[in-house]
């Protein structure tokens, strides 16, 4: 089990990977319509992208938290995803990545991309032993995300509501069958080392 604690699980194909974000409809609806983020989305603040559907369900309470009522599946290029990871610095001083706290502080202060590993979630929202990656894109690189990496945006809110309804009705197997098909994402060893993946 420990060998797979920090691996990226995602829905992906040869050219793209799907990441998730939750927004209020005023931001989400124009993004779906235009196929990328437009105003009132802010390019001046960090935005976090997550390839784990269930992690975002726990975070957004199945799209019921204020400001997170719309769940977006953002399909981005794998080249863009891996470009972001190549620039990333973990949010804590992982001894497998850094020689010491001072090196981590220096690199973190200069980083344009942050990586955080949080407990993965079960269908019912319980914390699992495995870790799920979040990638924070700062204002210094967000233009690349919005203008170059995004291939399309889909509103997954109807699916979210359907799965949540099935869970509430105790129909767990039917809910599980509707989950996006996530599998282990292959990482170059040097890239895995940089972000503290197992």
Protein backbone atom coordinates (compact mmCIF):
# COMPACT_ATOMS: atom_id res chain seq x y z
CA UNK A 1 0.00 0.00 0.00
CA UNK A 2 2.74 2.49 0.90
CA UNK A 3 4.24 2.32 -2.59
CA UNK A 4 1.11 3.91 -4.05
CA UNK A 5 0.39 6.56 -1.42
CA UNK A 6 1.31 9.48 -3.65
CA UNK A 7 0.42 8.62 -7.20
CA UNK A 8 -1.67 10.65 -9.59
CA UNK A 9 -4.97 9.01 -10.48
CA UNK A 10 -6.83 10.73 -13.31
CA UNK A 11 -9.07 10.47 -16.33
CA UNK A 12 -6.72 10.88 -19.29
CA UNK A 13 -5.99 9.84 -22.85
CA UNK A 14 -2.97 10.13 -25.12
CA UNK A 15 -3.13 13.92 -25.38
CA UNK A 16 -5.19 15.23 -22.45
CA UNK A 17 -5.95 14.92 -18.76
CA UNK A 18 -9.14 16.00 -16.98
CA UNK A 19 -8.90 18.17 -13.88
CA UNK A 20 -11.73 19.48 -11.74
CA UNK A 21 -12.67 22.85 -10.33
CA UNK A 22 -15.82 24.11 -8.59
CA UNK A 23 -17.12 27.64 -9.00
CA UNK A 24 -20.21 29.76 -8.63
CA UNK A 25 -22.35 29.76 -11.78
CA UNK A 26 -21.34 33.34 -12.65
CA UNK A 27 -17.83 32.00 -13.35
CA UNK A 28 -18.66 28.43 -14.38
CA UNK A 29 -21.37 29.09 -16.96
CA UNK A 30 -19.33 31.50 -19.14
CA UNK A 31 -16.35 29.11 -18.93
CA UNK A 32 -18.45 26.23 -20.27
CA UNK A 33 -19.90 28.45 -23.01
CA UNK A 34 -16.51 29.79 -24.16
CA UNK A 35 -14.51 26.61 -23.62
CA UNK A 36 -12.04 28.39 -21.33
CA UNK A 37 -12.11 30.79 -18.42
CA UNK A 38 -13.29 34.34 -19.07
CA UNK A 39 -14.32 37.22 -16.81
CA UNK A 40 -15.32 37.29 -14.00
CA UNK A 41 -12.70 34.54 -13.55
CA UNK A 42 -9.61 36.20 -12.06
CA UNK A 43 -6.18 35.70 -13.56
CA UNK A 44 -4.67 37.63 -10.66
CA UNK A 45 -4.94 34.93 -8.00
CA UNK A 46 -3.88 31.30 -7.59
CA UNK A 47 -6.25 28.68 -8.95
CA UNK A 48 -6.14 25.02 -7.88
CA UNK A 49 -6.76 22.12 -10.24
CA UNK A 50 -7.42 18.55 -9.07
CA UNK A 51 -7.58 15.34 -11.13
CA UNK A 52 -9.51 13.45 -8.42
CA UNK A 53 -13.28 13.68 -8.86
CA UNK A 54 -14.04 12.30 -5.39
CA UNK A 55 -11.60 14.66 -3.69
CA UNK A 56 -13.46 17.61 -5.19
CA UNK A 57 -16.79 16.06 -4.20
CA UNK A 58 -15.62 16.05 -0.57
CA UNK A 59 -14.27 19.59 -0.90
CA UNK A 60 -17.40 21.03 -2.53
CA UNK A 61 -19.87 18.82 -0.61
CA UNK A 62 -21.21 17.53 -3.91
CA UNK A 63 -21.52 21.06 -5.36
CA UNK A 64 -23.57 22.27 -2.39
CA UNK A 65 -21.06 24.64 -0.78
CA UNK A 66 -21.62 28.36 -1.49
CA UNK A 67 -19.40 29.47 -4.37
CA UNK A 68 -18.82 25.86 -5.47
CA UNK A 69 -22.24 25.04 -6.92
CA UNK A 70 -20.92 24.26 -10.40
CA UNK A 71 -18.42 21.44 -10.97
CA UNK A 72 -16.31 21.81 -14.10
CA UNK A 73 -14.33 19.07 -15.83
CA UNK A 74 -11.47 20.95 -17.46
CA UNK A 75 -9.66 19.00 -20.16
CA UNK A 76 -6.09 20.22 -20.52
CA UNK A 77 -3.17 19.04 -22.61
CA UNK A 78 -0.85 16.52 -21.01
CA UNK A 79 2.03 18.71 -22.17
CA UNK A 80 0.57 21.61 -20.16
CA UNK A 81 -0.08 19.41 -17.12
CA UNK A 82 3.49 18.13 -17.14
CA UNK A 83 4.83 21.64 -17.72
CA UNK A 84 3.03 22.71 -14.55
CA UNK A 85 4.40 19.74 -12.59
CA UNK A 86 7.93 20.49 -13.82
CA UNK A 87 7.64 23.97 -12.27
CA UNK A 88 5.96 22.79 -9.07
CA UNK A 89 7.26 22.91 -5.52
CA UNK A 90 5.47 20.96 -2.76
CA UNK A 91 3.72 22.98 -0.07
CA UNK A 92 5.76 21.39 2.70
CA UNK A 93 9.44 20.54 3.21
CA UNK A 94 9.36 16.92 2.02
CA UNK A 95 12.71 15.34 2.93
CA UNK A 96 12.55 13.14 -0.16
CA UNK A 97 12.58 16.27 -2.32
CA UNK A 98 14.65 18.85 -0.41
CA UNK A 99 17.98 18.72 1.41
CA UNK A 100 16.55 20.83 4.22
CA UNK A 101 13.99 23.40 5.28
CA UNK A 102 16.07 26.33 4.01
CA UNK A 103 16.23 24.91 0.49
CA UNK A 104 12.48 24.30 0.55
CA UNK A 105 11.72 27.85 1.79
CA UNK A 106 13.85 29.39 -0.95
CA UNK A 107 12.34 27.30 -3.73
CA UNK A 108 8.80 27.64 -2.43
CA UNK A 109 9.09 31.44 -2.30
CA UNK A 110 10.10 31.49 -5.98
CA UNK A 111 7.64 28.84 -7.20
CA UNK A 112 5.00 29.65 -9.82
CA UNK A 113 3.25 26.30 -9.19
CA UNK A 114 2.49 24.60 -5.87
CA UNK A 115 1.73 20.93 -5.28
CA UNK A 116 -0.18 19.58 -2.29
CA UNK A 117 -0.94 15.95 -1.40
CA UNK A 118 -4.19 15.49 0.52
CA UNK A 119 -5.96 12.32 1.64
CA UNK A 120 -7.92 10.78 -1.21
CA UNK A 121 -11.63 10.30 -0.51
CA UNK A 122 -14.00 7.40 -0.78
CA UNK A 123 -17.40 7.60 -2.44
CA UNK A 124 -18.87 8.40 0.99
CA UNK A 125 -16.26 11.09 1.67
CA UNK A 126 -14.08 9.17 4.12
CA UNK A 127 -10.35 9.93 4.11
CA UNK A 128 -8.24 7.18 2.56
CA UNK A 129 -4.62 6.25 3.08
CA UNK A 130 -3.76 7.15 -0.52
CA UNK A 131 -2.97 10.75 -1.31
CA UNK A 132 -4.53 12.91 -4.00
CA UNK A 133 -2.69 15.71 -5.78
CA UNK A 134 -3.77 19.34 -5.97
CA UNK A 135 -1.87 21.70 -8.25
CA UNK A 136 -1.92 25.44 -7.53
CA UNK A 137 -1.28 27.70 -10.51
CA UNK A 138 -0.11 31.17 -9.53
CA UNK A 139 -0.92 34.39 -11.37
CA UNK A 140 2.51 34.10 -13.03
CA UNK A 141 1.48 31.04 -15.03
CA UNK A 142 -2.30 31.21 -15.14
CA UNK A 143 -2.28 32.76 -18.63
CA UNK A 144 -0.65 29.55 -19.94
CA UNK A 145 -3.42 27.51 -18.32
CA UNK A 146 -6.29 29.61 -19.64
CA UNK A 147 -4.92 30.46 -23.10
CA UNK A 148 -2.78 27.46 -24.05
CA UNK A 149 -3.47 24.32 -22.01
CA UNK A 150 -7.26 24.16 -21.83
CA UNK A 151 -8.81 22.06 -24.59
CA UNK A 152 -12.40 22.23 -23.36
CA UNK A 153 -14.62 22.62 -20.30
CA UNK A 154 -17.65 20.49 -19.47
CA UNK A 155 -20.29 21.11 -16.82
CA UNK A 156 -20.32 17.97 -14.67
CA UNK A 157 -22.85 19.37 -12.17
CA UNK A 158 -25.77 17.24 -13.48
CA UNK A 159 -23.64 14.11 -13.08
CA UNK A 160 -22.59 15.23 -9.58
CA UNK A 161 -26.23 15.67 -8.54
CA UNK A 162 -27.22 12.32 -10.03
CA UNK A 163 -24.45 10.43 -8.21
CA UNK A 164 -25.21 12.22 -4.95
CA UNK A 165 -28.93 11.39 -5.25
CA UNK A 166 -28.13 7.71 -5.76
CA UNK A 167 -25.90 7.78 -2.67
CA UNK A 168 -28.64 9.37 -0.61
CA UNK A 169 -31.01 6.64 -1.80
CA UNK A 170 -28.54 3.96 -0.73
CA UNK A 171 -27.83 2.87 -4.31
CA UNK A 172 -24.05 2.83 -3.88
CA UNK A 173 -23.18 0.44 -6.68
CA UNK A 174 -25.15 2.49 -9.23
CA UNK A 175 -23.49 5.68 -7.95
CA UNK A 176 -20.05 4.07 -8.20
CA UNK A 177 -20.71 2.96 -11.79
CA UNK A 178 -21.18 6.60 -12.83
CA UNK A 179 -17.82 7.81 -11.50
CA UNK A 180 -15.31 9.09 -14.08
CA UNK A 181 -12.81 6.34 -15.03
CA UNK A 182 -9.61 7.35 -13.22
CA UNK A 183 -6.40 5.32 -13.47
CA UNK A 184 -2.77 5.78 -12.53
CA UNK A 185 -1.09 8.53 -14.53
CA UNK A 186 2.43 7.68 -15.78
CA UNK A 187 5.12 10.04 -14.57
CA UNK A 188 8.73 10.42 -15.63
CA UNK A 189 10.87 9.45 -12.59
CA UNK A 190 12.53 12.88 -12.43
CA UNK A 191 9.13 14.57 -12.47
CA UNK A 192 7.82 12.21 -9.79
CA UNK A 193 10.84 13.03 -7.62
CA UNK A 194 10.29 16.77 -8.04
CA UNK A 195 6.73 16.67 -6.75
CA UNK A 196 7.26 14.03 -4.07
CA UNK A 197 5.23 11.30 -5.79
CA UNK A 198 5.78 7.69 -4.75
